[in-house]
Amino acid sequence: INLFSMVKSIFPSAEMNYPFFNYSLDIAIPDQRIVIEYDGSYWHQDKEYDKRRQKYLENHKWKFIKYVDILPSNEQLENDIKNIICNKGT
């Protein structure tokens, strides 16, 4: 919830638990096609499932930012979002 609040302050269009096909995306910025995932290592032990899920979403033109067991600073989050937007065409 803290991460969602941080994202929402940067992108008011952000949505939590955004439905996409059979998946629920932790945080999505739909108009930018960005997914922000927070993975706690305890809950995300099936690495193969996570890889397949990410690949599926990337094949549908979504870009990923993933944090594992850390909450980024506001500055890091802003930089990560800016970087992914700038690199969308690649």
N, C-alpha and C. Protein backbone atom coordinates (compact mmCIF):
# COMPACT_ATOMS: atom_id res chain seq x y z
N ILE A 1 0.83 -1.19 0.00
CA ILE A 1 0.00 0.00 0.00
C ILE A 1 0.87 1.25 0.00
N ASN A 2 2.00 1.19 0.70
CA ASN A 2 2.90 2.35 0.70
C ASN A 2 3.44 2.63 -0.69
N LEU A 3 3.83 1.57 -1.39
CA LEU A 3 4.35 1.74 -2.74
C LEU A 3 3.27 2.30 -3.66
N PHE A 4 2.05 1.80 -3.53
CA PHE A 4 0.95 2.32 -4.35
C PHE A 4 0.75 3.81 -4.09
N SER A 5 0.78 4.23 -2.85
CA SER A 5 0.62 5.65 -2.52
C SER A 5 1.72 6.49 -3.16
N MET A 6 2.93 5.96 -3.16
CA MET A 6 4.05 6.67 -3.78
C MET A 6 3.83 6.81 -5.29
N VAL A 7 3.43 5.72 -5.92
CA VAL A 7 3.20 5.74 -7.37
C VAL A 7 2.04 6.69 -7.70
N LYS A 8 0.98 6.61 -6.92
CA LYS A 8 -0.21 7.43 -7.15
C LYS A 8 0.12 8.92 -7.06
N SER A 9 1.08 9.29 -6.22
CA SER A 9 1.47 10.70 -6.11
C SER A 9 2.19 11.18 -7.37
N ILE A 10 2.81 10.25 -8.10
CA ILE A 10 3.50 10.59 -9.35
C ILE A 10 2.56 10.47 -10.54
N PHE A 11 1.78 9.38 -10.55
CA PHE A 11 0.83 9.10 -11.62
C PHE A 11 -0.55 8.86 -11.01
N PRO A 12 -1.39 9.90 -10.97
CA PRO A 12 -2.73 9.74 -10.40
C PRO A 12 -3.57 8.66 -11.08
N SER A 13 -3.20 8.29 -12.31
CA SER A 13 -3.96 7.26 -13.03
C SER A 13 -3.59 5.84 -12.60
N ALA A 14 -2.63 5.70 -11.70
CA ALA A 14 -2.20 4.36 -11.25
C ALA A 14 -3.34 3.63 -10.58
N GLU A 15 -3.35 2.31 -10.76
CA GLU A 15 -4.38 1.46 -10.17
C GLU A 15 -3.73 0.29 -9.46
N MET A 16 -4.31 -0.09 -8.34
CA MET A 16 -3.81 -1.23 -7.58
C MET A 16 -4.63 -2.47 -7.93
N ASN A 17 -3.95 -3.62 -7.98
CA ASN A 17 -4.60 -4.90 -8.32
C ASN A 17 -5.34 -4.82 -9.65
N TYR A 18 -4.66 -4.27 -10.63
CA TYR A 18 -5.24 -4.06 -11.95
C TYR A 18 -5.40 -5.40 -12.68
N PRO A 19 -6.61 -5.71 -13.13
CA PRO A 19 -6.82 -6.99 -13.82
C PRO A 19 -6.32 -6.94 -15.27
N PHE A 20 -5.56 -7.95 -15.66
CA PHE A 20 -5.11 -8.09 -17.04
C PHE A 20 -5.11 -9.57 -17.36
N PHE A 21 -6.01 -9.98 -18.26
CA PHE A 21 -6.26 -11.39 -18.56
C PHE A 21 -6.48 -12.13 -17.25
N ASN A 22 -5.74 -13.18 -16.98
CA ASN A 22 -5.94 -13.95 -15.75
C ASN A 22 -5.06 -13.48 -14.61
N TYR A 23 -4.46 -12.31 -14.74
CA TYR A 23 -3.53 -11.83 -13.74
C TYR A 23 -4.08 -10.61 -13.02
N SER A 24 -3.57 -10.41 -11.83
CA SER A 24 -3.83 -9.18 -11.08
C SER A 24 -2.47 -8.51 -10.89
N LEU A 25 -2.31 -7.34 -11.49
CA LEU A 25 -1.04 -6.63 -11.44
C LEU A 25 -0.99 -5.81 -10.16
N ASP A 26 0.10 -5.91 -9.41
CA ASP A 26 0.19 -5.20 -8.13
C ASP A 26 -0.19 -3.74 -8.31
N ILE A 27 0.56 -3.06 -9.16
CA ILE A 27 0.29 -1.65 -9.46
C ILE A 27 0.46 -1.48 -10.96
N ALA A 28 -0.49 -0.84 -11.59
CA ALA A 28 -0.41 -0.59 -13.03
C ALA A 28 -0.63 0.88 -13.30
N ILE A 29 0.09 1.35 -14.29
CA ILE A 29 -0.17 2.68 -14.87
C ILE A 29 -0.63 2.37 -16.29
N PRO A 30 -1.94 2.11 -16.44
CA PRO A 30 -2.45 1.60 -17.72
C PRO A 30 -2.14 2.48 -18.93
N ASP A 31 -2.24 3.81 -18.77
CA ASP A 31 -2.01 4.68 -19.93
C ASP A 31 -0.55 4.67 -20.37
N GLN A 32 0.36 4.22 -19.52
CA GLN A 32 1.78 4.09 -19.87
C GLN A 32 2.18 2.63 -20.09
N ARG A 33 1.25 1.72 -19.81
CA ARG A 33 1.49 0.27 -19.89
C ARG A 33 2.71 -0.13 -19.06
N ILE A 34 2.70 0.35 -17.81
CA ILE A 34 3.76 0.03 -16.87
C ILE A 34 3.17 -0.77 -15.71
N VAL A 35 3.88 -1.84 -15.36
CA VAL A 35 3.53 -2.66 -14.20
C VAL A 35 4.62 -2.45 -13.16
N ILE A 36 4.19 -2.20 -11.93
CA ILE A 36 5.14 -2.10 -10.82
C ILE A 36 4.78 -3.20 -9.84
N GLU A 37 5.72 -4.12 -9.67
CA GLU A 37 5.49 -5.27 -8.82
C GLU A 37 6.35 -5.17 -7.58
N TYR A 38 5.76 -5.51 -6.46
CA TYR A 38 6.51 -5.66 -5.22
C TYR A 38 6.44 -7.13 -4.85
N ASP A 39 7.59 -7.79 -4.89
CA ASP A 39 7.63 -9.22 -4.59
C ASP A 39 8.35 -9.46 -3.28
N GLY A 40 7.63 -9.96 -2.34
CA GLY A 40 8.26 -10.44 -1.12
C GLY A 40 8.79 -11.83 -1.40
N SER A 41 10.02 -12.10 -1.03
CA SER A 41 10.62 -13.39 -1.38
C SER A 41 9.85 -14.57 -0.79
N TYR A 42 9.18 -14.37 0.34
CA TYR A 42 8.40 -15.46 0.93
C TYR A 42 7.23 -15.86 0.03
N TRP A 43 6.54 -14.87 -0.53
CA TRP A 43 5.34 -15.13 -1.33
C TRP A 43 5.65 -15.45 -2.77
N HIS A 44 6.84 -15.14 -3.24
CA HIS A 44 7.18 -15.35 -4.65
C HIS A 44 8.34 -16.34 -4.78
N GLN A 45 8.10 -17.55 -4.35
CA GLN A 45 9.13 -18.57 -4.42
C GLN A 45 9.12 -19.34 -5.74
N ASP A 46 8.03 -19.22 -6.49
CA ASP A 46 7.93 -19.90 -7.78
C ASP A 46 8.47 -18.97 -8.86
N LYS A 47 9.78 -18.98 -9.02
CA LYS A 47 10.45 -18.06 -9.96
C LYS A 47 10.03 -18.32 -11.41
N GLU A 48 9.81 -19.58 -11.76
CA GLU A 48 9.41 -19.91 -13.13
C GLU A 48 8.04 -19.31 -13.46
N TYR A 49 7.11 -19.39 -12.54
CA TYR A 49 5.80 -18.79 -12.75
C TYR A 49 5.94 -17.28 -12.94
N ASP A 50 6.74 -16.65 -12.08
CA ASP A 50 6.94 -15.19 -12.19
C ASP A 50 7.55 -14.82 -13.54
N LYS A 51 8.51 -15.62 -14.01
CA LYS A 51 9.15 -15.35 -15.31
C LYS A 51 8.14 -15.48 -16.45
N ARG A 52 7.33 -16.56 -16.41
CA ARG A 52 6.32 -16.77 -17.46
C ARG A 52 5.31 -15.62 -17.47
N ARG A 53 4.87 -15.23 -16.29
CA ARG A 53 3.91 -14.14 -16.15
C ARG A 53 4.48 -12.85 -16.71
N GLN A 54 5.72 -12.52 -16.33
CA GLN A 54 6.34 -11.30 -16.83
C GLN A 54 6.51 -11.34 -18.35
N LYS A 55 6.94 -12.47 -18.86
CA LYS A 55 7.12 -12.62 -20.32
C LYS A 55 5.79 -12.44 -21.05
N TYR A 56 4.74 -13.01 -20.50
CA TYR A 56 3.41 -12.89 -21.10
C TYR A 56 3.00 -11.41 -21.16
N LEU A 57 3.17 -10.71 -20.08
CA LEU A 57 2.79 -9.30 -20.04
C LEU A 57 3.68 -8.46 -20.96
N GLU A 58 4.97 -8.75 -20.99
CA GLU A 58 5.87 -8.02 -21.88
C GLU A 58 5.49 -8.28 -23.34
N ASN A 59 5.05 -9.49 -23.65
CA ASN A 59 4.59 -9.78 -25.01
C ASN A 59 3.35 -8.96 -25.38
N HIS A 60 2.64 -8.48 -24.37
CA HIS A 60 1.48 -7.61 -24.58
C HIS A 60 1.84 -6.14 -24.36
N LYS A 61 3.13 -5.84 -24.51
CA LYS A 61 3.65 -4.47 -24.51
C LYS A 61 3.62 -3.76 -23.16
N TRP A 62 3.61 -4.51 -22.07
CA TRP A 62 3.73 -3.92 -20.73
C TRP A 62 5.21 -3.91 -20.35
N LYS A 63 5.62 -2.84 -19.67
CA LYS A 63 6.99 -2.71 -19.15
C LYS A 63 6.95 -2.95 -17.65
N PHE A 64 8.01 -3.56 -17.13
CA PHE A 64 8.06 -3.98 -15.73
C PHE A 64 9.06 -3.18 -14.92
N ILE A 65 8.65 -2.85 -13.72
CA ILE A 65 9.55 -2.42 -12.66
C ILE A 65 9.26 -3.37 -11.50
N LYS A 66 10.29 -3.99 -11.00
CA LYS A 66 10.08 -4.97 -9.93
C LYS A 66 11.01 -4.65 -8.76
N TYR A 67 10.42 -4.66 -7.59
CA TYR A 67 11.18 -4.50 -6.35
C TYR A 67 11.00 -5.78 -5.54
N VAL A 68 12.09 -6.32 -5.04
CA VAL A 68 12.04 -7.54 -4.25
C VAL A 68 12.53 -7.22 -2.84
N ASP A 69 11.62 -7.35 -1.90
CA ASP A 69 11.91 -7.17 -0.48
C ASP A 69 12.39 -5.78 -0.09
N ILE A 70 12.25 -4.80 -0.97
CA ILE A 70 12.62 -3.43 -0.60
C ILE A 70 11.54 -2.47 -1.07
N LEU A 71 11.39 -1.39 -0.34
CA LEU A 71 10.53 -0.30 -0.75
C LEU A 71 11.47 0.79 -1.24
N PRO A 72 11.35 1.20 -2.50
CA PRO A 72 12.28 2.20 -3.02
C PRO A 72 12.02 3.56 -2.38
N SER A 73 13.01 4.42 -2.45
CA SER A 73 12.81 5.80 -2.04
C SER A 73 11.95 6.48 -3.11
N ASN A 74 11.38 7.61 -2.78
CA ASN A 74 10.61 8.37 -3.78
C ASN A 74 11.47 8.71 -4.98
N GLU A 75 12.71 9.09 -4.72
CA GLU A 75 13.63 9.46 -5.80
C GLU A 75 13.92 8.26 -6.70
N GLN A 76 14.18 7.10 -6.10
CA GLN A 76 14.46 5.91 -6.90
C GLN A 76 13.24 5.53 -7.73
N LEU A 77 12.06 5.57 -7.13
CA LEU A 77 10.83 5.24 -7.85
C LEU A 77 10.63 6.18 -9.03
N GLU A 78 10.77 7.48 -8.80
CA GLU A 78 10.61 8.45 -9.89
C GLU A 78 11.62 8.18 -11.00
N ASN A 79 12.87 7.92 -10.64
CA ASN A 79 13.90 7.64 -11.65
C ASN A 79 13.60 6.36 -12.42
N ASP A 80 13.16 5.33 -11.72
CA ASP A 80 12.84 4.07 -12.39
C ASP A 80 11.68 4.25 -13.38
N ILE A 81 10.67 5.01 -12.98
CA ILE A 81 9.53 5.25 -13.88
C ILE A 81 9.97 6.08 -15.07
N LYS A 82 10.73 7.13 -14.83
CA LYS A 82 11.22 7.97 -15.95
C LYS A 82 12.06 7.16 -16.91
N ASN A 83 12.94 6.31 -16.36
CA ASN A 83 13.80 5.49 -17.22
C ASN A 83 13.00 4.54 -18.07
N ILE A 84 12.00 3.93 -17.52
CA ILE A 84 11.22 2.96 -18.29
C ILE A 84 10.37 3.67 -19.36
N ILE A 85 9.90 4.88 -19.06
CA ILE A 85 9.15 5.64 -20.05
C ILE A 85 10.07 6.06 -21.19
N CYS A 86 11.27 6.51 -20.86
CA CYS A 86 12.23 6.93 -21.89
C CYS A 86 12.68 5.77 -22.76
N ASN A 87 12.68 4.57 -22.23
CA ASN A 87 13.14 3.38 -22.95
C ASN A 87 12.01 2.55 -23.52
N LYS A 88 10.78 3.11 -23.57
CA LYS A 88 9.63 2.32 -24.02
C LYS A 88 9.79 1.79 -25.44
N GLY A 89 10.44 2.51 -26.29
CA GLY A 89 10.56 2.09 -27.68
C GLY A 89 11.57 1.00 -27.89
N THR A 90 12.37 0.67 -26.87
CA THR A 90 13.42 -0.32 -27.06
C THR A 90 13.05 -1.66 -26.50
